[in-house]
């Protein structure tokens, strides 16, 4: 299924690291002088981002983080404005892509000045994604105005994709990009990356700096995590293999969404157990998948001048001193906090315009198939005896719920809402750990990283592989939790 030769047909110029850098110790490195100005800039930017994403605060009867409060307040208080804003972005994406593609094909002539002003090369894509963006631009007014047949605009299809996914992503990426860019431009990425190297490289074969992508997903959204990955990739600090691994193994659902799923299956009192089990599942699947095809075969190529991490060895104190030095160097080279925030917001808007139409068109098709066809009931029939053998109750409900998550991550929780507690726990944990679903993350990856490229068939294969790995792992966890009397 995985066509390794297809990678060589990528038209974009790529670069490789000719020789691997030597491992260094603290004595081999010229540490940056710790000066007040750069240190203050790094610390202030780091604390702003830390507060926005990680500091728990009470809000509306629950504990959450400021980022979630801001996004929820905007989408909840001003749904019409958020909808009009999302509509404008999707239509802009369809128009700009069409203009860029017609120019690339020689169908229209556009002046160099207008091409630069509209950044037309940025909007160029493949023919399928041109179609998806235009289809999104056609569908967006239908869903925004709620005109059309029930199967298209109903609460379980168009209403779900528009109200739950599109509005959230449209707000999450630009706002999250403001604060994430503070980390990226002013030293936070270097500091977090250095401190995480002893974990990320040995276990998951990716740079330590990828820890920031993971944290951004856990505390914010997978869309914010993918924004970080794209940003760092464009700087030559991730290879194509790094991006593929991070996107498919660490672009996770947020802590808040884990809580939503737990509440949906009426197991919110087990939230700490579910969340810790979820982290374990993510780590186990990633550690396995990075060592086998297709992920192990993705080339170590870069789309910019390669700037891989320098291998480092030392004590925890050495790592801290090295990380602080790297952070201060980056902060000294970077601009102001306000400038970094503005650049992040602009980049976030551009990225949202780029991918939102694709998410809408592919996501809507996926949930329509799940809602109105017996596809997943038929495919899941062989799994029923498997779950019976594993001792998972309500196997006839669990089987389709275990694979329907490829369309939309929230649907499995709805399917098992009335099942026995063990079945609800099993599916809640499985659905949030599968990660790849075609109402949002899959089309986002395919469009955002079309220059790698991340392909449909490989995402389907990885979803299947993740599910095969997760079923026995989660079965053991479920029986252990039940044996403790918690289910």
Protein backbone atom coordinates (compact mmCIF):
# COMPACT_ATOMS: atom_id res chain seq x y z
CA UNK A 1 0.00 0.00 0.00
CA UNK A 2 2.89 2.37 0.76
CA UNK A 3 4.60 3.46 -2.46
CA UNK A 4 8.16 4.28 -1.38
CA UNK A 5 9.18 5.32 -4.90
CA UNK A 6 6.52 8.02 -4.92
CA UNK A 7 8.63 10.10 -2.56
CA UNK A 8 11.23 10.65 -5.25
CA UNK A 9 8.64 12.23 -7.52
CA UNK A 10 8.13 15.16 -5.15
CA UNK A 11 8.76 18.20 -7.36
CA UNK A 12 9.97 20.41 -4.52
CA UNK A 13 13.73 20.74 -4.11
CA UNK A 14 14.79 18.89 -1.00
CA UNK A 15 17.99 18.76 1.01
CA UNK A 16 19.64 16.13 3.16
CA UNK A 17 22.11 16.30 6.01
CA UNK A 18 25.34 15.10 4.43
CA UNK A 19 27.12 14.16 7.67
CA UNK A 20 25.60 13.56 11.06
CA UNK A 21 26.77 16.12 13.66
CA UNK A 22 29.00 14.79 16.42
CA UNK A 23 27.66 14.37 19.94
CA UNK A 24 28.81 17.21 22.18
CA UNK A 25 29.10 17.83 25.88
CA UNK A 26 28.81 21.11 27.72
CA UNK A 27 32.60 21.58 27.50
CA UNK A 28 32.43 21.43 23.68
CA UNK A 29 29.88 24.25 23.39
CA UNK A 30 30.40 27.99 23.46
CA UNK A 31 27.60 29.01 25.77
CA UNK A 32 25.92 32.33 25.07
CA UNK A 33 26.58 35.06 27.59
CA UNK A 34 23.54 35.50 29.81
CA UNK A 35 22.54 39.15 29.38
CA UNK A 36 19.55 40.85 30.94
CA UNK A 37 17.78 41.95 27.75
CA UNK A 38 17.61 38.63 25.87
CA UNK A 39 16.93 36.69 29.08
CA UNK A 40 14.05 39.01 29.97
CA UNK A 41 12.58 38.67 26.48
CA UNK A 42 12.77 34.88 26.62
CA UNK A 43 11.36 34.64 30.14
CA UNK A 44 8.47 37.06 29.50
CA UNK A 45 7.52 35.36 26.21
CA UNK A 46 7.78 31.93 27.84
CA UNK A 47 5.63 32.93 30.81
CA UNK A 48 2.97 34.52 28.57
CA UNK A 49 2.68 31.33 26.55
CA UNK A 50 2.87 29.14 29.65
CA UNK A 51 0.02 31.05 31.32
CA UNK A 52 -2.17 31.05 28.22
CA UNK A 53 -1.83 27.31 27.57
CA UNK A 54 -0.99 25.63 30.85
CA UNK A 55 -2.21 27.53 33.92
CA UNK A 56 -5.54 26.07 35.15
CA UNK A 57 -8.17 28.63 36.10
CA UNK A 58 -11.81 28.29 37.21
CA UNK A 59 -14.36 29.20 34.55
CA UNK A 60 -18.09 28.57 34.35
CA UNK A 61 -18.03 25.90 37.04
CA UNK A 62 -15.04 23.99 35.68
CA UNK A 63 -11.25 24.15 35.62
CA UNK A 64 -9.71 24.98 32.26
CA UNK A 65 -6.92 27.07 30.68
CA UNK A 66 -7.14 30.67 29.36
CA UNK A 67 -6.76 29.46 25.75
CA UNK A 68 -9.88 27.30 26.00
CA UNK A 69 -11.77 30.14 27.70
CA UNK A 70 -10.97 32.60 24.91
CA UNK A 71 -11.91 30.19 22.11
CA UNK A 72 -15.10 29.03 23.85
CA UNK A 73 -16.12 32.60 24.63
CA UNK A 74 -15.70 33.73 21.02
CA UNK A 75 -17.50 30.77 19.44
CA UNK A 76 -20.19 30.66 22.14
CA UNK A 77 -20.88 34.39 22.49
CA UNK A 78 -20.56 35.37 18.85
CA UNK A 79 -21.51 32.28 16.81
CA UNK A 80 -22.87 34.32 13.91
CA UNK A 81 -19.74 36.47 13.73
CA UNK A 82 -17.53 33.37 14.01
CA UNK A 83 -19.56 31.72 11.25
CA UNK A 84 -19.29 34.75 8.94
CA UNK A 85 -15.57 34.93 9.63
CA UNK A 86 -15.12 31.20 8.85
CA UNK A 87 -17.23 31.62 5.70
CA UNK A 88 -15.00 34.48 4.52
CA UNK A 89 -11.85 32.43 5.12
CA UNK A 90 -13.14 29.38 3.24
CA UNK A 91 -14.33 31.40 0.25
CA UNK A 92 -11.03 33.28 0.21
CA UNK A 93 -9.18 29.98 0.18
CA UNK A 94 -11.18 28.73 -2.80
CA UNK A 95 -10.71 31.96 -4.75
CA UNK A 96 -7.01 32.38 -4.01
CA UNK A 97 -6.26 28.73 -4.84
CA UNK A 98 -8.20 29.01 -8.11
CA UNK A 99 -6.34 32.18 -9.06
CA UNK A 100 -2.99 30.62 -8.16
CA UNK A 101 -3.70 27.43 -10.10
CA UNK A 102 -4.94 29.26 -13.20
CA UNK A 103 -1.80 31.40 -13.13
CA UNK A 104 0.44 28.34 -12.72
CA UNK A 105 -1.24 26.65 -15.68
CA UNK A 106 -0.92 29.75 -17.86
CA UNK A 107 -4.69 30.25 -18.12
CA UNK A 108 -4.50 33.81 -16.78
CA UNK A 109 -1.79 36.43 -16.71
CA UNK A 110 -1.18 38.21 -13.42
CA UNK A 111 1.37 40.94 -12.79
CA UNK A 112 4.35 40.25 -10.56
CA UNK A 113 3.28 42.94 -8.11
CA UNK A 114 -0.20 41.44 -7.65
CA UNK A 115 1.28 37.95 -7.43
CA UNK A 116 3.52 39.16 -4.60
CA UNK A 117 0.73 41.03 -2.83
CA UNK A 118 -1.55 37.98 -2.88
CA UNK A 119 1.34 35.55 -2.20
CA UNK A 120 -0.08 33.35 -4.98
CA UNK A 121 2.65 30.67 -4.89
CA UNK A 122 1.60 29.97 -1.28
CA UNK A 123 -1.89 28.94 -2.43
CA UNK A 124 -0.76 26.56 -5.19
CA UNK A 125 -1.64 22.91 -4.60
CA UNK A 126 -2.44 19.66 -6.37
CA UNK A 127 -5.56 19.20 -8.48
CA UNK A 128 -7.42 17.13 -5.82
CA UNK A 129 -6.88 19.74 -3.12
CA UNK A 130 -7.85 22.52 -5.52
CA UNK A 131 -11.13 20.66 -5.89
CA UNK A 132 -11.53 20.18 -2.12
CA UNK A 133 -10.95 23.88 -1.40
CA UNK A 134 -13.41 24.97 -4.07
CA UNK A 135 -15.94 22.38 -2.87
CA UNK A 136 -15.54 23.81 0.63
CA UNK A 137 -16.19 27.30 -0.71
CA UNK A 138 -19.41 26.04 -2.32
CA UNK A 139 -20.58 24.15 0.77
CA UNK A 140 -19.74 26.84 3.33
CA UNK A 141 -22.60 29.26 2.42
CA UNK A 142 -25.05 26.33 2.45
CA UNK A 143 -24.10 25.34 5.99
CA UNK A 144 -23.75 28.89 7.27
CA UNK A 145 -27.21 29.87 5.99
CA UNK A 146 -28.67 26.44 6.88
CA UNK A 147 -30.36 26.01 3.52
CA UNK A 148 -30.47 22.59 2.00
CA UNK A 149 -31.64 19.03 2.61
CA UNK A 150 -31.59 17.59 6.13
CA UNK A 151 -29.01 14.93 5.23
CA UNK A 152 -26.61 17.74 4.35
CA UNK A 153 -27.23 20.37 7.02
CA UNK A 154 -28.61 18.23 9.88
CA UNK A 155 -27.08 18.29 13.39
CA UNK A 156 -25.34 14.94 12.89
CA UNK A 157 -23.75 15.89 9.53
CA UNK A 158 -23.32 19.47 8.34
CA UNK A 159 -24.30 20.92 11.71
CA UNK A 160 -21.67 18.81 13.46
CA UNK A 161 -18.88 19.64 11.01
CA UNK A 162 -19.70 23.36 10.83
CA UNK A 163 -20.60 24.07 14.45
CA UNK A 164 -18.15 21.78 16.20
CA UNK A 165 -15.15 21.61 13.88
CA UNK A 166 -15.04 24.49 11.40
CA UNK A 167 -15.84 27.30 13.83
CA UNK A 168 -13.40 25.93 16.39
CA UNK A 169 -10.50 25.47 13.97
CA UNK A 170 -11.12 28.90 12.41
CA UNK A 171 -10.66 30.53 15.82
CA UNK A 172 -8.13 28.16 17.39
CA UNK A 173 -5.32 28.38 14.84
CA UNK A 174 -4.93 32.20 14.58
CA UNK A 175 -5.26 32.77 18.33
CA UNK A 176 -3.03 29.84 19.21
CA UNK A 177 -0.48 30.98 16.61
CA UNK A 178 -0.04 34.31 18.42
CA UNK A 179 1.25 32.62 21.56
CA UNK A 180 2.94 29.63 19.96
CA UNK A 181 5.01 31.99 17.80
CA UNK A 182 6.36 33.57 20.99
CA UNK A 183 7.80 30.15 21.85
CA UNK A 184 9.14 29.57 18.35
CA UNK A 185 10.77 32.96 17.74
CA UNK A 186 11.92 33.93 21.23
CA UNK A 187 13.63 30.87 22.63
CA UNK A 188 10.91 28.68 24.12
CA UNK A 189 11.25 26.04 21.39
CA UNK A 190 14.99 25.73 21.99
CA UNK A 191 14.59 25.49 25.76
CA UNK A 192 11.76 22.92 25.72
CA UNK A 193 13.46 21.00 22.93
CA UNK A 194 16.77 20.75 24.74
CA UNK A 195 15.19 19.58 27.98
CA UNK A 196 13.09 16.95 26.14
CA UNK A 197 15.90 15.42 24.08
CA UNK A 198 16.63 12.53 26.48
CA UNK A 199 13.03 11.35 25.99
CA UNK A 200 11.94 12.22 22.45
CA UNK A 201 14.94 10.99 20.45
CA UNK A 202 15.55 7.59 22.12
CA UNK A 203 11.88 6.65 22.43
CA UNK A 204 10.31 8.19 19.35
CA UNK A 205 13.25 8.99 17.00
CA UNK A 206 12.27 12.66 16.67
CA UNK A 207 13.97 15.87 17.83
CA UNK A 208 13.52 17.05 21.39
CA UNK A 209 11.94 20.25 20.09
CA UNK A 210 8.96 18.14 18.96
CA UNK A 211 7.88 18.09 22.60
CA UNK A 212 6.48 21.59 22.02
CA UNK A 213 4.24 20.29 19.22
CA UNK A 214 2.90 17.61 21.55
CA UNK A 215 2.29 20.00 24.42
CA UNK A 216 0.56 22.45 22.05
CA UNK A 217 -1.83 19.69 21.01
CA UNK A 218 -2.50 18.43 24.55
CA UNK A 219 -3.19 21.83 26.08
CA UNK A 220 -4.57 23.59 23.02
CA UNK A 221 -5.61 21.64 19.94
CA UNK A 222 -4.17 19.33 17.31
CA UNK A 223 -4.51 22.25 14.90
CA UNK A 224 -2.17 24.35 17.05
CA UNK A 225 0.25 21.44 17.28
CA UNK A 226 0.23 21.05 13.50
CA UNK A 227 0.80 24.80 13.12
CA UNK A 228 3.96 24.45 15.23
CA UNK A 229 5.10 21.51 13.11
CA UNK A 230 4.60 23.41 9.86
CA UNK A 231 6.40 26.45 11.24
CA UNK A 232 9.44 24.48 12.40
CA UNK A 233 9.48 22.37 9.20
CA UNK A 234 9.70 25.53 7.08
CA UNK A 235 12.73 26.61 9.12
CA UNK A 236 14.64 23.44 8.24
CA UNK A 237 14.50 22.11 11.79
CA UNK A 238 12.34 19.07 10.97
CA UNK A 239 12.86 16.52 8.23
CA UNK A 240 9.99 14.99 6.32
CA UNK A 241 10.18 11.90 8.53
CA UNK A 242 10.03 14.07 11.66
CA UNK A 243 6.90 15.81 10.36
CA UNK A 244 5.20 12.56 9.38
CA UNK A 245 5.85 11.03 12.81
CA UNK A 246 4.82 14.14 14.75
CA UNK A 247 1.65 14.67 12.71
CA UNK A 248 0.38 11.10 12.87
CA UNK A 249 1.56 10.19 16.39
CA UNK A 250 1.53 13.40 18.42
CA UNK A 251 -1.14 15.71 16.92
CA UNK A 252 -3.41 14.63 19.74
CA UNK A 253 -6.76 15.77 21.04
CA UNK A 254 -6.68 18.34 23.82
CA UNK A 255 -7.12 17.69 27.52
CA UNK A 256 -10.47 19.46 27.28
CA UNK A 257 -11.73 17.13 24.56
CA UNK A 258 -10.71 14.11 26.63
CA UNK A 259 -12.99 15.54 29.33
CA UNK A 260 -15.82 15.98 26.82
CA UNK A 261 -15.56 12.34 25.72
CA UNK A 262 -15.40 11.17 29.35
CA UNK A 263 -18.55 13.16 30.13
CA UNK A 264 -20.33 11.82 27.02
CA UNK A 265 -19.81 8.23 28.12
CA UNK A 266 -20.76 9.19 31.70
CA UNK A 267 -17.33 8.43 33.14
CA UNK A 268 -16.16 11.92 34.06
CA UNK A 269 -15.34 10.73 37.56
CA UNK A 270 -12.63 8.56 35.94
CA UNK A 271 -11.11 11.46 34.01
CA UNK A 272 -7.64 11.16 35.66
CA UNK A 273 -7.56 7.43 34.87
CA UNK A 274 -8.71 7.98 31.29
CA UNK A 275 -6.21 10.79 30.69
CA UNK A 276 -3.21 8.93 32.12
CA UNK A 277 -4.21 5.82 30.16
CA UNK A 278 -4.52 7.97 27.04
CA UNK A 279 -0.96 9.30 27.46
CA UNK A 280 0.29 5.74 27.88
CA UNK A 281 -1.54 4.65 24.70
CA UNK A 282 -0.07 7.54 22.70
CA UNK A 283 3.45 6.70 23.89
CA UNK A 284 3.15 2.96 23.19
CA UNK A 285 1.72 3.35 19.68
CA UNK A 286 4.28 6.01 18.75
CA UNK A 287 7.22 3.95 20.03
CA UNK A 288 6.09 1.02 17.86
CA UNK A 289 5.01 2.84 14.70
CA UNK A 290 8.18 4.93 14.29
CA UNK A 291 10.17 1.70 13.94
CA UNK A 292 8.12 0.05 11.18
CA UNK A 293 6.83 1.06 7.72
CA UNK A 294 5.41 3.32 6.55
CA UNK A 295 6.90 5.81 9.04
CA UNK A 296 10.34 4.22 9.10
CA UNK A 297 10.62 4.60 5.30
CA UNK A 298 9.86 8.30 5.05
CA UNK A 299 13.07 10.00 3.84
CA UNK A 300 15.11 12.25 6.11
CA UNK A 301 14.80 15.19 3.71
CA UNK A 302 14.35 18.89 4.41
CA UNK A 303 12.55 21.59 2.40
CA UNK A 304 14.83 24.32 3.77
CA UNK A 305 18.50 24.48 4.71
CA UNK A 306 18.81 21.66 7.27
CA UNK A 307 19.25 22.77 10.87
CA UNK A 308 19.01 19.53 12.86
CA UNK A 309 19.53 19.40 16.59
CA UNK A 310 23.08 18.94 17.78
CA UNK A 311 23.41 15.64 19.65
CA UNK A 312 24.18 16.39 23.28
CA UNK A 313 25.17 14.38 26.32
CA UNK A 314 25.34 15.55 29.93
CA UNK A 315 23.72 15.77 33.35
CA UNK A 316 20.27 17.34 33.92
CA UNK A 317 22.09 20.50 34.99
CA UNK A 318 24.09 20.50 31.77
CA UNK A 319 20.91 20.16 29.75
CA UNK A 320 19.39 23.12 31.61
CA UNK A 321 22.45 25.32 31.03
CA UNK A 322 22.61 24.33 27.37
CA UNK A 323 18.86 24.88 26.90
CA UNK A 324 19.02 28.31 28.51
CA UNK A 325 21.97 29.25 26.30
CA UNK A 326 20.11 28.14 23.18
CA UNK A 327 16.99 30.03 24.26
CA UNK A 328 18.89 33.25 24.96
CA UNK A 329 20.64 33.03 21.59
CA UNK A 330 17.30 32.67 19.83
CA UNK A 331 15.72 35.49 21.84
CA UNK A 332 18.65 37.77 21.01
CA UNK A 333 18.22 37.05 17.29
CA UNK A 334 14.44 37.41 17.40
CA UNK A 335 12.36 40.53 17.26
CA UNK A 336 10.03 42.01 19.82
CA UNK A 337 7.24 40.21 21.65
CA UNK A 338 4.64 42.30 19.83
CA UNK A 339 6.26 41.65 16.47
CA UNK A 340 6.38 37.90 17.06
CA UNK A 341 2.72 37.93 18.10
CA UNK A 342 1.63 39.82 14.98
CA UNK A 343 3.63 37.53 12.68
CA UNK A 344 2.12 34.51 14.40
CA UNK A 345 -1.42 35.83 13.95
CA UNK A 346 -0.86 36.56 10.24
CA UNK A 347 0.67 33.13 9.67
CA UNK A 348 -2.26 31.57 11.54
CA UNK A 349 -4.83 33.35 9.37
CA UNK A 350 -3.03 32.28 6.18
CA UNK A 351 -2.82 28.68 7.32
CA UNK A 352 -6.50 28.65 8.31
CA UNK A 353 -7.50 30.00 4.90
CA UNK A 354 -5.38 27.29 3.31
CA UNK A 355 -6.88 24.26 5.07
CA UNK A 356 -10.41 25.15 6.23
CA UNK A 357 -12.18 24.40 2.94
CA UNK A 358 -10.48 21.02 2.72
CA UNK A 359 -11.53 20.13 6.26
CA UNK A 360 -15.12 21.09 5.44
CA UNK A 361 -15.47 19.17 2.18
CA UNK A 362 -13.68 15.97 3.23
CA UNK A 363 -15.04 16.06 6.78
CA UNK A 364 -18.63 16.47 5.62
CA UNK A 365 -18.29 13.57 3.19
CA UNK A 366 -16.88 11.38 5.97
CA UNK A 367 -19.68 12.01 8.48
CA UNK A 368 -22.38 11.58 5.79
CA UNK A 369 -20.97 8.14 4.97
CA UNK A 370 -20.92 7.28 8.68
CA UNK A 371 -24.45 8.56 9.30
CA UNK A 372 -26.37 7.38 6.25
CA UNK A 373 -24.67 4.20 5.04
CA UNK A 374 -24.12 0.77 6.68
CA UNK A 375 -20.46 0.83 5.63
CA UNK A 376 -18.99 0.60 9.12
CA UNK A 377 -21.54 -1.94 10.39
CA UNK A 378 -20.57 -4.23 7.51
CA UNK A 379 -16.80 -3.72 7.87
CA UNK A 380 -16.89 -4.28 11.63
CA UNK A 381 -18.69 -7.66 11.60
CA UNK A 382 -15.46 -9.71 11.84
CA UNK A 383 -14.47 -7.74 14.95
CA UNK A 384 -17.48 -8.84 17.02
CA UNK A 385 -16.07 -12.29 17.93
CA UNK A 386 -12.69 -10.66 18.62
CA UNK A 387 -14.17 -8.37 21.26
CA UNK A 388 -16.22 -11.23 22.71
CA UNK A 389 -13.00 -13.25 23.05
CA UNK A 390 -11.28 -10.29 24.73
CA UNK A 391 -14.07 -10.04 27.27
CA UNK A 392 -15.34 -6.62 26.23
CA UNK A 393 -19.14 -6.45 26.77
CA UNK A 394 -21.62 -5.23 24.13
CA UNK A 395 -19.30 -6.43 21.36
CA UNK A 396 -21.94 -5.76 18.68
CA UNK A 397 -21.86 -2.06 19.66
CA UNK A 398 -18.14 -1.83 20.35
CA UNK A 399 -17.13 -3.32 16.97
CA UNK A 400 -18.51 -0.55 14.69
CA UNK A 401 -17.58 2.10 17.27
CA UNK A 402 -13.96 0.91 17.16
CA UNK A 403 -13.54 1.84 13.48
CA UNK A 404 -16.09 4.56 12.81
CA UNK A 405 -13.73 7.00 14.55
CA UNK A 406 -11.85 7.33 11.27
CA UNK A 407 -14.67 9.60 10.13
CA UNK A 408 -15.07 11.75 13.27
CA UNK A 409 -13.50 11.18 16.67
CA UNK A 410 -16.61 12.07 18.65
CA UNK A 411 -19.01 9.59 16.99
CA UNK A 412 -17.76 6.45 18.82
CA UNK A 413 -18.59 7.99 22.20
CA UNK A 414 -22.13 8.67 21.03
CA UNK A 415 -22.58 5.09 19.81
CA UNK A 416 -21.70 3.52 23.18
CA UNK A 417 -23.41 6.06 25.44
CA UNK A 418 -25.92 3.40 26.61
CA UNK A 419 -23.51 0.44 26.71
CA UNK A 420 -22.03 -1.21 29.80
CA UNK A 421 -19.33 0.67 31.70
CA UNK A 422 -16.42 -1.47 30.45
CA UNK A 423 -17.52 -0.96 26.84
CA UNK A 424 -17.86 2.80 27.38
CA UNK A 425 -14.41 3.03 28.97
CA UNK A 426 -12.83 0.94 26.20
CA UNK A 427 -14.28 3.01 23.35
CA UNK A 428 -13.66 6.34 25.07
CA UNK A 429 -9.97 5.50 25.40
CA UNK A 430 -9.70 3.96 21.94
CA UNK A 431 -11.38 6.85 20.11
CA UNK A 432 -9.18 9.56 21.62
CA UNK A 433 -6.02 7.49 21.00
CA UNK A 434 -6.63 6.70 17.31
CA UNK A 435 -5.85 10.35 16.41
CA UNK A 436 -6.43 10.12 12.65
CA UNK A 437 -9.94 11.05 11.52
CA UNK A 438 -11.17 12.42 8.22
CA UNK A 439 -13.46 15.14 9.50
CA UNK A 440 -10.45 17.23 10.59
CA UNK A 441 -6.94 15.93 11.29
CA UNK A 442 -6.50 13.82 8.14
CA UNK A 443 -7.47 16.49 5.56
CA UNK A 444 -5.53 19.05 7.61
CA UNK A 445 -2.38 16.91 7.42
CA UNK A 446 -2.81 16.15 3.71
CA UNK A 447 -3.29 19.78 2.75
CA UNK A 448 -0.86 21.35 5.22
CA UNK A 449 1.93 18.93 4.31
CA UNK A 450 1.22 18.28 0.64
CA UNK A 451 4.92 18.95 -0.05
CA UNK A 452 5.97 15.85 1.93
CA UNK A 453 3.38 14.43 0.87
CA UNK A 454 1.09 12.86 3.45
CA UNK A 455 -1.30 10.68 1.45
CA UNK A 456 -4.83 9.38 1.99
CA UNK A 457 -3.87 5.70 1.68
CA UNK A 458 -1.07 6.02 4.23
CA UNK A 459 -3.35 7.71 6.75
CA UNK A 460 -5.91 4.93 6.39
CA UNK A 461 -3.14 2.36 6.84
CA UNK A 462 -1.83 4.16 9.93
CA UNK A 463 -5.33 4.36 11.42
CA UNK A 464 -5.68 0.59 10.99
CA UNK A 465 -2.23 -0.02 12.47
CA UNK A 466 -2.93 2.23 15.45
CA UNK A 467 -6.20 0.43 16.08
CA UNK A 468 -4.56 -3.01 15.90
CA UNK A 469 -1.92 -1.92 18.44
CA UNK A 470 -4.38 -0.15 20.72
CA UNK A 471 -7.04 -2.88 21.03
CA UNK A 472 -4.92 -5.29 23.14
CA UNK A 473 -3.31 -2.46 25.11
CA UNK A 474 -6.66 -0.89 25.99
CA UNK A 475 -8.17 -4.30 26.72
CA UNK A 476 -5.54 -4.87 29.42
CA UNK A 477 -6.12 -1.38 30.83
CA UNK A 478 -9.91 -1.84 30.82
CA UNK A 479 -9.77 -5.16 32.67
CA UNK A 480 -7.27 -3.70 35.16
CA UNK A 481 -9.54 -0.72 35.89
CA UNK A 482 -12.53 -3.05 36.22
CA UNK A 483 -10.57 -5.34 38.58
CA UNK A 484 -9.92 -2.32 40.82
CA UNK A 485 -13.69 -1.85 41.09
CA UNK A 486 -13.75 1.44 39.18
CA UNK A 487 -16.06 0.18 36.41
